[in-house]
C-alpha atoms as a PDB file:
ATOM      1  CA  MET A   1     -22.259  13.812 -72.274  1.00  0.00           C
ATOM      2  CA  ARG A   2     -24.487  16.150 -70.306  1.00  0.00           C
ATOM      3  CA  LYS A   3     -28.039  15.119 -69.498  1.00  0.00           C
ATOM      4  CA  LEU A   4     -31.132  17.135 -70.289  1.00  0.00           C
ATOM      5  CA  ILE A   5     -33.134  17.196 -67.056  1.00  0.00           C
ATOM      6  CA  VAL A   6     -36.661  18.550 -66.781  1.00  0.00           C
ATOM      7  CA  SER A   7     -37.471  19.712 -63.256  1.00  0.00           C
ATOM      8  CA  GLU A   8     -41.038  20.807 -62.561  1.00  0.00           C
ATOM      9  CA  PHE A   9     -43.513  21.663 -59.830  1.00  0.00           C
ATOM     10  CA  VAL A  10     -46.804  19.807 -60.380  1.00  0.00           C
ATOM     11  CA  SER A  11     -50.033  19.441 -58.460  1.00  0.00           C
ATOM     12  CA  LEU A  12     -51.323  15.979 -57.663  1.00  0.00           C
ATOM     13  CA  ASP A  13     -53.578  16.217 -60.727  1.00  0.00           C
ATOM     14  CA  GLY A  14     -50.655  17.135 -62.997  1.00  0.00           C
ATOM     15  CA  VAL A  15     -51.154  20.905 -63.263  1.00  0.00           C
ATOM     16  CA  MET A  16     -47.960  22.898 -63.673  1.00  0.00           C
ATOM     17  CA  GLN A  17     -49.460  26.270 -64.564  1.00  0.00           C
ATOM     18  CA  ALA A  18     -48.573  29.318 -62.464  1.00  0.00           C
ATOM     19  CA  PRO A  19     -46.913  27.722 -59.437  1.00  0.00           C
ATOM     20  CA  GLY A  20     -45.649  31.198 -58.482  1.00  0.00           C
ATOM     21  CA  VAL A  21     -47.257  34.585 -58.461  1.00  0.00           C
ATOM     22  CA  GLU A  22     -48.100  34.801 -62.163  1.00  0.00           C
ATOM     23  CA  ALA A  23     -51.185  36.707 -63.279  1.00  0.00           C
ATOM     24  CA  GLY A  24     -54.105  35.249 -65.174  1.00  0.00           C
ATOM     25  CA  PHE A  25     -54.689  31.930 -63.399  1.00  0.00           C
ATOM     26  CA  ARG A  26     -57.100  31.660 -60.505  1.00  0.00           C
ATOM     27  CA  HIS A  27     -54.892  29.227 -58.590  1.00  0.00           C
ATOM     28  CA  ALA A  28     -51.626  31.139 -59.169  1.00  0.00           C
ATOM     29  CA  GLY A  29     -49.140  30.744 -56.341  1.00  0.00           C
ATOM     30  CA  TRP A  30     -50.266  27.258 -55.329  1.00  0.00           C
ATOM     31  CA  VAL A  31     -46.660  26.212 -54.570  1.00  0.00           C
ATOM     32  CA  LEU A  32     -46.288  29.004 -52.022  1.00  0.00           C
ATOM     33  CA  GLU A  33     -48.896  27.372 -49.769  1.00  0.00           C
ATOM     34  CA  HIS A  34     -46.433  24.523 -49.121  1.00  0.00           C
ATOM     35  CA  ASP A  35     -43.129  26.395 -49.240  1.00  0.00           C
ATOM     36  CA  SER A  36     -40.427  25.234 -46.857  1.00  0.00           C
ATOM     37  CA  PRO A  37     -36.673  25.514 -46.301  1.00  0.00           C
ATOM     38  CA  GLU A  38     -36.440  21.811 -47.266  1.00  0.00           C
ATOM     39  CA  HIS A  39     -37.746  22.656 -50.748  1.00  0.00           C
ATOM     40  CA  ASP A  40     -35.286  25.528 -51.075  1.00  0.00           C
ATOM     41  CA  ALA A  41     -32.376  23.262 -50.115  1.00  0.00           C
ATOM     42  CA  HIS A  42     -33.541  20.629 -52.602  1.00  0.00           C
ATOM     43  CA  ARG A  43     -33.788  23.187 -55.420  1.00  0.00           C
ATOM     44  CA  TYR A  44     -30.343  24.573 -54.560  1.00  0.00           C
ATOM     45  CA  GLU A  45     -28.863  21.062 -54.786  1.00  0.00           C
ATOM     46  CA  GLU A  46     -30.331  20.851 -58.299  1.00  0.00           C
ATOM     47  CA  LEU A  47     -28.948  24.260 -59.175  1.00  0.00           C
ATOM     48  CA  LEU A  48     -25.462  23.054 -58.260  1.00  0.00           C
ATOM     49  CA  GLU A  49     -25.886  20.253 -60.835  1.00  0.00           C
ATOM     50  CA  THR A  50     -26.780  22.775 -63.534  1.00  0.00           C
ATOM     51  CA  SER A  51     -24.417  24.010 -66.236  1.00  0.00           C
ATOM     52  CA  ALA A  52     -27.082  25.725 -68.376  1.00  0.00           C
ATOM     53  CA  LEU A  53     -30.806  26.365 -68.593  1.00  0.00           C
ATOM     54  CA  LEU A  54     -32.990  25.575 -71.598  1.00  0.00           C
ATOM     55  CA  LEU A  55     -36.164  27.646 -71.537  1.00  0.00           C
ATOM     56  CA  GLY A  56     -39.202  28.368 -73.626  1.00  0.00           C
ATOM     57  CA  ARG A  57     -40.100  31.979 -74.408  1.00  0.00           C
ATOM     58  CA  VAL A  58     -42.840  32.452 -71.791  1.00  0.00           C
ATOM     59  CA  THR A  59     -40.757  31.055 -68.930  1.00  0.00           C
ATOM     60  CA  TYR A  60     -37.683  32.940 -70.115  1.00  0.00           C
ATOM     61  CA  GLU A  61     -39.560  36.254 -70.169  1.00  0.00           C
ATOM     62  CA  GLY A  62     -40.940  35.643 -66.671  1.00  0.00           C
ATOM     63  CA  PHE A  63     -37.569  34.605 -65.276  1.00  0.00           C
ATOM     64  CA  ALA A  64     -35.679  37.444 -67.025  1.00  0.00           C
ATOM     65  CA  ALA A  65     -38.093  39.966 -65.539  1.00  0.00           C
ATOM     66  CA  THR A  66     -37.529  38.661 -62.004  1.00  0.00           C
ATOM     67  CA  TRP A  67     -34.186  36.946 -61.415  1.00  0.00           C
ATOM     68  CA  PRO A  68     -31.752  39.725 -62.415  1.00  0.00           C
ATOM     69  CA  THR A  69     -33.056  41.896 -59.543  1.00  0.00           C
ATOM     70  CA  MET A  70     -32.753  39.147 -56.945  1.00  0.00           C
ATOM     71  CA  THR A  71     -29.761  38.714 -54.649  1.00  0.00           C
ATOM     72  CA  GLY A  72     -28.260  35.915 -52.623  1.00  0.00           C
ATOM     73  CA  GLU A  73     -26.357  32.733 -53.377  1.00  0.00           C
ATOM     74  CA  PHE A  74     -29.187  31.027 -55.277  1.00  0.00           C
ATOM     75  CA  ALA A  75     -29.923  34.115 -57.387  1.00  0.00           C
ATOM     76  CA  GLY A  76     -26.232  34.672 -58.072  1.00  0.00           C
ATOM     77  CA  ARG A  77     -25.877  31.153 -59.432  1.00  0.00           C
ATOM     78  CA  MET A  78     -29.133  31.377 -61.403  1.00  0.00           C
ATOM     79  CA  ASN A  79     -28.138  34.689 -62.968  1.00  0.00           C
ATOM     80  CA  ALA A  80     -24.652  33.484 -63.901  1.00  0.00           C
ATOM     81  CA  LEU A  81     -25.798  30.361 -65.754  1.00  0.00           C
ATOM     82  CA  PRO A  82     -25.951  30.473 -69.541  1.00  0.00           C
ATOM     83  CA  LYS A  83     -29.522  30.283 -70.800  1.00  0.00           C
ATOM     84  CA  TYR A  84     -30.686  28.905 -74.147  1.00  0.00           C
ATOM     85  CA  VAL A  85     -34.096  30.125 -75.226  1.00  0.00           C
ATOM     86  CA  VAL A  86     -36.299  28.306 -77.732  1.00  0.00           C
ATOM     87  CA  SER A  87     -38.603  30.779 -79.457  1.00  0.00           C
ATOM     88  CA  SER A  88     -39.908  31.579 -82.913  1.00  0.00           C
ATOM     89  CA  THR A  89     -40.904  35.122 -81.905  1.00  0.00           C
ATOM     90  CA  LEU A  90     -37.902  36.496 -79.978  1.00  0.00           C
ATOM     91  CA  HIS A  91     -34.925  38.014 -81.752  1.00  0.00           C
ATOM     92  CA  LYS A  92     -31.272  38.539 -80.816  1.00  0.00           C
ATOM     93  CA  PRO A  93     -29.704  39.864 -78.685  1.00  0.00           C
ATOM     94  CA  LEU A  94     -31.250  38.565 -75.494  1.00  0.00           C
ATOM     95  CA  PRO A  95     -30.341  39.935 -72.066  1.00  0.00           C
ATOM     96  CA  TRP A  96     -29.606  37.939 -68.891  1.00  0.00           C
ATOM     97  CA  ASN A  97     -26.756  35.813 -70.199  1.00  0.00           C
ATOM     98  CA  SER A  98     -29.095  34.266 -72.784  1.00  0.00           C
ATOM     99  CA  SER A  99     -28.834  33.001 -76.346  1.00  0.00           C
ATOM    100  CA  LEU A 100     -31.600  32.305 -78.791  1.00  0.00           C
ATOM    101  CA  LEU A 101     -31.696  28.702 -80.000  1.00  0.00           C
ATOM    102  CA  LYS A 102     -32.834  28.692 -83.641  1.00  0.00           C
ATOM    103  CA  GLY A 103     -33.002  25.815 -86.088  1.00  0.00           C
ATOM    104  CA  ASP A 104     -33.892  22.170 -85.653  1.00  0.00           C
ATOM    105  CA  LEU A 105     -34.671  21.589 -81.970  1.00  0.00           C
ATOM    106  CA  THR A 106     -33.370  18.016 -81.945  1.00  0.00           C
ATOM    107  CA  ASP A 107     -30.045  18.974 -83.536  1.00  0.00           C
ATOM    108  CA  LYS A 108     -29.579  21.991 -81.250  1.00  0.00           C
ATOM    109  CA  VAL A 109     -30.386  20.117 -78.039  1.00  0.00           C
ATOM    110  CA  GLU A 110     -28.179  17.169 -78.971  1.00  0.00           C
ATOM    111  CA  ALA A 111     -25.319  19.601 -79.679  1.00  0.00           C
ATOM    112  CA  LEU A 112     -25.792  21.234 -76.269  1.00  0.00           C
ATOM    113  CA  LYS A 113     -25.769  17.825 -74.586  1.00  0.00           C
ATOM    114  CA  ARG A 114     -22.492  16.916 -76.321  1.00  0.00           C
ATOM    115  CA  GLN A 115     -20.715  19.921 -74.843  1.00  0.00           C
ATOM    116  CA  GLY A 116     -18.361  18.842 -72.076  1.00  0.00           C
ATOM    117  CA  GLY A 117     -18.756  19.058 -68.354  1.00  0.00           C
ATOM    118  CA  HIS A 118     -20.168  17.072 -65.472  1.00  0.00           C
ATOM    119  CA  ARG A 119     -23.088  19.394 -64.836  1.00  0.00           C
ATOM    120  CA  HIS A 120     -26.334  19.116 -66.750  1.00  0.00           C
ATOM    121  CA  ILE A 121     -28.810  21.202 -68.719  1.00  0.00           C
ATOM    122  CA  PHE A 122     -32.024  21.864 -66.821  1.00  0.00           C
ATOM    123  CA  VAL A 123     -35.453  22.917 -68.039  1.00  0.00           C
ATOM    124  CA  HIS A 124     -37.871  24.621 -65.642  1.00  0.00           C
ATOM    125  CA  GLY A 125     -41.425  25.612 -66.528  1.00  0.00           C
ATOM    126  CA  SER A 126     -41.553  25.882 -70.317  1.00  0.00           C
ATOM    127  CA  ARG A 127     -44.556  23.573 -70.687  1.00  0.00           C
ATOM    128  CA  SER A 128     -44.811  23.567 -74.492  1.00  0.00           C
ATOM    129  CA  LEU A 129     -41.067  23.096 -74.849  1.00  0.00           C
ATOM    130  CA  VAL A 130     -41.035  20.235 -72.324  1.00  0.00           C
ATOM    131  CA  GLN A 131     -43.859  18.491 -74.141  1.00  0.00           C
ATOM    132  CA  GLU A 132     -41.949  18.784 -77.428  1.00  0.00           C
ATOM    133  CA  LEU A 133     -38.702  17.565 -75.832  1.00  0.00           C
ATOM    134  CA  LEU A 134     -40.506  14.534 -74.359  1.00  0.00           C
ATOM    135  CA  THR A 135     -42.169  13.745 -77.686  1.00  0.00           C
ATOM    136  CA  ARG A 136     -38.789  13.844 -79.427  1.00  0.00           C
ATOM    137  CA  GLY A 137     -37.147  11.618 -76.817  1.00  0.00           C
ATOM    138  CA  LEU A 138     -34.624  14.302 -75.834  1.00  0.00           C
ATOM    139  CA  VAL A 139     -35.261  14.272 -72.068  1.00  0.00           C
ATOM    140  CA  ASP A 140     -32.891  12.076 -70.074  1.00  0.00           C
ATOM    141  CA  GLU A 141     -34.405  12.623 -66.655  1.00  0.00           C
ATOM    142  CA  LEU A 142     -37.698  13.962 -65.346  1.00  0.00           C
ATOM    143  CA  ARG A 143     -37.804  15.408 -61.832  1.00  0.00           C
ATOM    144  CA  LEU A 144     -41.181  16.255 -60.381  1.00  0.00           C
ATOM    145  CA  MET A 145     -41.928  17.979 -57.098  1.00  0.00           C
ATOM    146  CA  VAL A 146     -45.493  16.779 -56.567  1.00  0.00           C
ATOM    147  CA  PHE A 147     -47.495  19.032 -54.258  1.00  0.00           C
ATOM    148  CA  PRO A 148     -50.381  17.620 -52.194  1.00  0.00           C
ATOM    149  CA  ILE A 149     -53.014  19.763 -53.831  1.00  0.00           C
ATOM    150  CA  VAL A 150     -55.634  19.133 -56.514  1.00  0.00           C
ATOM    151  CA  LEU A 151     -56.314  22.241 -58.591  1.00  0.00           C
ATOM    152  CA  GLY A 152     -58.952  20.794 -60.912  1.00  0.00           C
ATOM    153  CA  SER A 153     -58.016  23.101 -63.766  1.00  0.00           C
ATOM    154  CA  GLY A 154     -54.964  24.531 -65.455  1.00  0.00           C
ATOM    155  CA  ALA A 155     -52.338  23.582 -67.985  1.00  0.00           C
ATOM    156  CA  ARG A 156     -50.987  20.114 -67.341  1.00  0.00           C
ATOM    157  CA  LEU A 157     -47.481  18.796 -67.800  1.00  0.00           C
ATOM    158  CA  PHE A 158     -48.609  15.782 -69.812  1.00  0.00           C
ATOM    159  CA  PRO A 159     -51.026  16.487 -72.656  1.00  0.00           C
ATOM    160  CA  ASP A 160     -52.828  13.864 -74.676  1.00  0.00           C
ATOM    161  CA  THR A 161     -50.153  12.145 -76.735  1.00  0.00           C
ATOM    162  CA  PRO A 162     -50.376   9.551 -79.469  1.00  0.00           C
ATOM    163  CA  GLU A 163     -47.647   7.444 -77.860  1.00  0.00           C
ATOM    164  CA  LYS A 164     -47.064   6.475 -74.265  1.00  0.00           C
ATOM    165  CA  ILE A 165     -43.852   7.503 -72.549  1.00  0.00           C
ATOM    166  CA  THR A 166     -42.361   4.880 -70.254  1.00  0.00           C
ATOM    167  CA  LEU A 167     -40.376   6.180 -67.301  1.00  0.00           C
ATOM    168  CA  THR A 168     -38.068   4.307 -64.933  1.00  0.00           C
ATOM    169  CA  PRO A 169     -38.211   5.337 -61.258  1.00  0.00           C
ATOM    170  CA  VAL A 170     -34.811   6.463 -59.948  1.00  0.00           C
ATOM    171  CA  GLU A 171     -35.434   8.223 -56.651  1.00  0.00           C
ATOM    172  CA  LYS A 172     -38.187   9.361 -54.280  1.00  0.00           C
ATOM    173  CA  ARG A 173     -37.849  11.899 -51.517  1.00  0.00           C
ATOM    174  CA  THR A 174     -40.658  12.927 -49.157  1.00  0.00           C
ATOM    175  CA  PHE A 175     -40.622  16.287 -47.399  1.00  0.00           C
ATOM    176  CA  ASP A 176     -42.279  17.146 -44.089  1.00  0.00           C
ATOM    177  CA  SER A 177     -44.633  19.438 -46.040  1.00  0.00           C
ATOM    178  CA  GLY A 178     -46.125  16.434 -47.830  1.00  0.00           C
ATOM    179  CA  VAL A 179     -44.402  17.296 -51.106  1.00  0.00           C
ATOM    180  CA  ILE A 180     -42.800  14.326 -52.837  1.00  0.00           C
ATOM    181  CA  ALA A 181     -39.813  14.735 -55.151  1.00  0.00           C
ATOM    182  CA  LEU A 182     -39.823  12.019 -57.812  1.00  0.00           C
ATOM    183  CA  THR A 183     -37.010  11.352 -60.264  1.00  0.00           C
ATOM    184  CA  TYR A 184     -37.489   9.243 -63.373  1.00  0.00           C
ATOM    185  CA  ALA A 185     -35.112   8.193 -66.127  1.00  0.00           C
ATOM    186  CA  CYS A 186     -36.658   8.705 -69.561  1.00  0.00           C
ATOM    187  CA  LYS A 187     -34.385   6.398 -71.516  1.00  0.00           C
END
């Protein structure tokens, strides 16, 4: 069975909003201040583990507006992957090798996980979707690239929740830039 892996950039204070050059957030692009070839290599390793992407509408729209015009090995792989988009406002057909995932989220995600293969389903960005997946216990692994920056404001990965979520540390990797990649098992 494939795993559902959430892989996110977060600041030290848990902000995940606008790590790239998105408009509308005063700290947008905060990841770029610490960019390094080590990070790129790490992200490419993850991409090689990926068989599909699961995305929320906002992240999908941002990615679909950018990735199809990019070139190179990473972009080629990213563009070729099947994408499953969770949205109540988008309608078929979707471009960029994408399918709309409608119906019960738990049933749909469990069906995707049951599909064969040794590569996994990854979620990037998609804050609201990630929070829902965590609440429903659908995430198998959480991978965080924690950047040594405190933003003080912005949308956080972990909202207030009625129940705690216990994670089991699996791996830690420290980069020369000060970024720490943390991997946790969620089950």
